C-alpha cells in the first residue's frame, strides 16, 4: 500500500558544490511553495531587489545572514530567526556566512 505522506530531513543531502546558491522545493501545492535555500557567502547583487508577487516567510535554520529592505532596514538573522515578507516588499540578501552553509526554510504563499 502506498502512503500519502512524504518525510525527509532538512539537513540531509546539503549540496557540496555551493558555487551558486541553491533553491530546492520541499513541497509545491496549490500556490504554496516550501523550499530549502542553501547559501555560502552569497548575496544579492547591489543593483537587484527581490520583488515577489507572493508573500514569503523565511527562517534561518543554520548559519547566519542579513536581509536588507528597500526602506533601509537591515535584519541580522541567526538560527531560529524568521521574518514574514509581504508580497512586493523589495528586499535582498546583503550577506550570508562565508565560512559555513546557511540553510533557510522559506514558505511562499498567495496574497
Protein backbone atom coordinates (compact mmCIF):
# COMPACT_ATOMS: atom_id res chain seq x y z
CA UNK A 1 0.00 0.00 0.00
CA UNK A 2 1.40 3.40 -0.97
CA UNK A 3 1.41 6.11 1.72
CA UNK A 4 0.24 9.68 1.28
CA UNK A 5 2.97 11.24 3.36
CA UNK A 6 6.46 12.37 2.47
CA UNK A 7 9.21 12.59 5.08
CA UNK A 8 12.72 13.98 4.95
CA UNK A 9 15.41 15.81 6.84
CA UNK A 10 16.29 19.44 6.17
CA UNK A 11 19.96 18.74 6.96
CA UNK A 12 20.26 15.72 4.64
CA UNK A 13 21.95 15.91 1.27
CA UNK A 14 23.11 19.51 1.57
CA UNK A 15 24.79 20.35 -1.73
CA UNK A 16 28.58 20.19 -1.65
CA UNK A 17 29.03 22.44 -4.68
CA UNK A 18 27.90 25.81 -3.40
CA UNK A 19 29.48 27.93 -6.11
CA UNK A 20 25.87 29.06 -6.66
CA UNK A 21 23.13 29.46 -4.10
CA UNK A 22 20.69 26.52 -4.30
CA UNK A 23 16.89 26.53 -4.15
CA UNK A 24 15.18 23.17 -3.62
CA UNK A 25 11.43 22.62 -3.42
CA UNK A 26 10.28 20.52 -0.50
CA UNK A 27 6.56 20.96 -1.19
CA UNK A 28 4.71 22.70 -4.00
CA UNK A 29 0.91 22.63 -3.74
CA UNK A 30 -1.92 25.00 -4.70
CA UNK A 31 0.13 28.18 -4.74
CA UNK A 32 2.23 27.32 -1.68
CA UNK A 33 5.92 26.53 -2.07
CA UNK A 34 8.13 25.36 0.78
CA UNK A 35 11.79 25.36 -0.13
CA UNK A 36 15.24 24.89 1.31
CA UNK A 37 17.74 27.52 0.28
CA UNK A 38 21.46 26.93 0.82
CA UNK A 39 23.88 29.87 0.76
CA UNK A 40 27.61 30.11 1.36
CA UNK A 41 28.80 33.70 1.24
CA UNK A 42 26.15 34.52 -1.34
CA UNK A 43 24.32 37.82 -1.55
CA UNK A 44 22.01 39.57 -3.94
CA UNK A 45 23.66 41.97 -6.36
CA UNK A 46 23.60 45.54 -5.03
CA UNK A 47 21.61 46.69 -8.06
CA UNK A 48 18.92 43.99 -7.67
CA UNK A 49 15.90 43.54 -5.41
CA UNK A 50 13.55 40.64 -4.88
CA UNK A 51 10.06 41.95 -5.66
CA UNK A 52 7.92 38.83 -5.42
CA UNK A 53 4.20 38.59 -6.24
CA UNK A 54 3.58 36.28 -3.25
CA UNK A 55 4.26 36.59 0.48
CA UNK A 56 7.36 34.86 1.86
CA UNK A 57 8.02 33.58 5.36
CA UNK A 58 11.70 32.71 5.76
CA UNK A 59 13.74 31.32 8.65
CA UNK A 60 17.46 30.73 9.09
CA UNK A 61 17.91 27.17 10.33
CA UNK A 62 21.72 27.06 10.27
CA UNK A 63 24.38 29.69 9.69
CA UNK A 64 23.65 33.40 9.60
CA UNK A 65 22.56 36.05 7.14
CA UNK A 66 21.42 39.62 6.73
CA UNK A 67 18.43 40.88 4.77
CA UNK A 68 18.23 44.47 3.53
CA UNK A 69 14.88 46.06 2.71
CA UNK A 70 14.36 48.92 0.25
CA UNK A 71 13.30 51.20 3.13
CA UNK A 72 16.83 50.86 4.59
CA UNK A 73 16.03 48.39 7.38
CA UNK A 74 18.59 45.58 7.67
CA UNK A 75 17.88 42.46 9.71
CA UNK A 76 20.61 40.16 11.04
CA UNK A 77 19.34 36.59 11.20
CA UNK A 78 20.72 33.76 13.33
CA UNK A 79 19.41 30.17 13.64
CA UNK A 80 15.76 30.27 14.62
CA UNK A 81 15.18 33.85 13.45
CA UNK A 82 12.41 34.35 10.93
CA UNK A 83 10.74 37.17 9.04
CA UNK A 84 7.48 37.40 7.12
CA UNK A 85 7.96 39.44 3.96
CA UNK A 86 4.78 40.79 2.34
CA UNK A 87 4.31 40.47 -1.41
CA UNK A 88 6.14 43.20 -3.37
CA UNK A 89 8.22 44.24 -0.36
CA UNK A 90 11.56 44.86 -2.03
CA UNK A 91 14.43 43.13 -0.28
CA UNK A 92 17.75 41.45 -0.89
CA UNK A 93 20.24 39.23 0.88
CA UNK A 94 23.06 41.57 1.86
CA UNK A 95 25.31 38.90 3.45
CA UNK A 96 25.49 35.19 4.27
CA UNK A 97 28.12 33.39 6.31
CA UNK A 98 31.15 32.63 4.08
CA UNK A 99 32.52 30.00 6.49
CA UNK A 100 29.58 27.61 6.80
CA UNK A 101 26.45 26.93 4.75
CA UNK A 102 23.41 28.96 5.70
CA UNK A 103 20.25 26.87 5.46
CA UNK A 104 17.00 28.75 5.03
CA UNK A 105 13.48 27.39 5.20
CA UNK A 106 11.21 29.52 3.03
CA UNK A 107 7.44 29.36 2.59
CA UNK A 108 5.96 31.27 -0.34
CA UNK A 109 2.18 31.69 -0.14
CA UNK A 110 -0.50 33.56 -2.09
CA UNK A 111 -1.64 37.08 -1.35
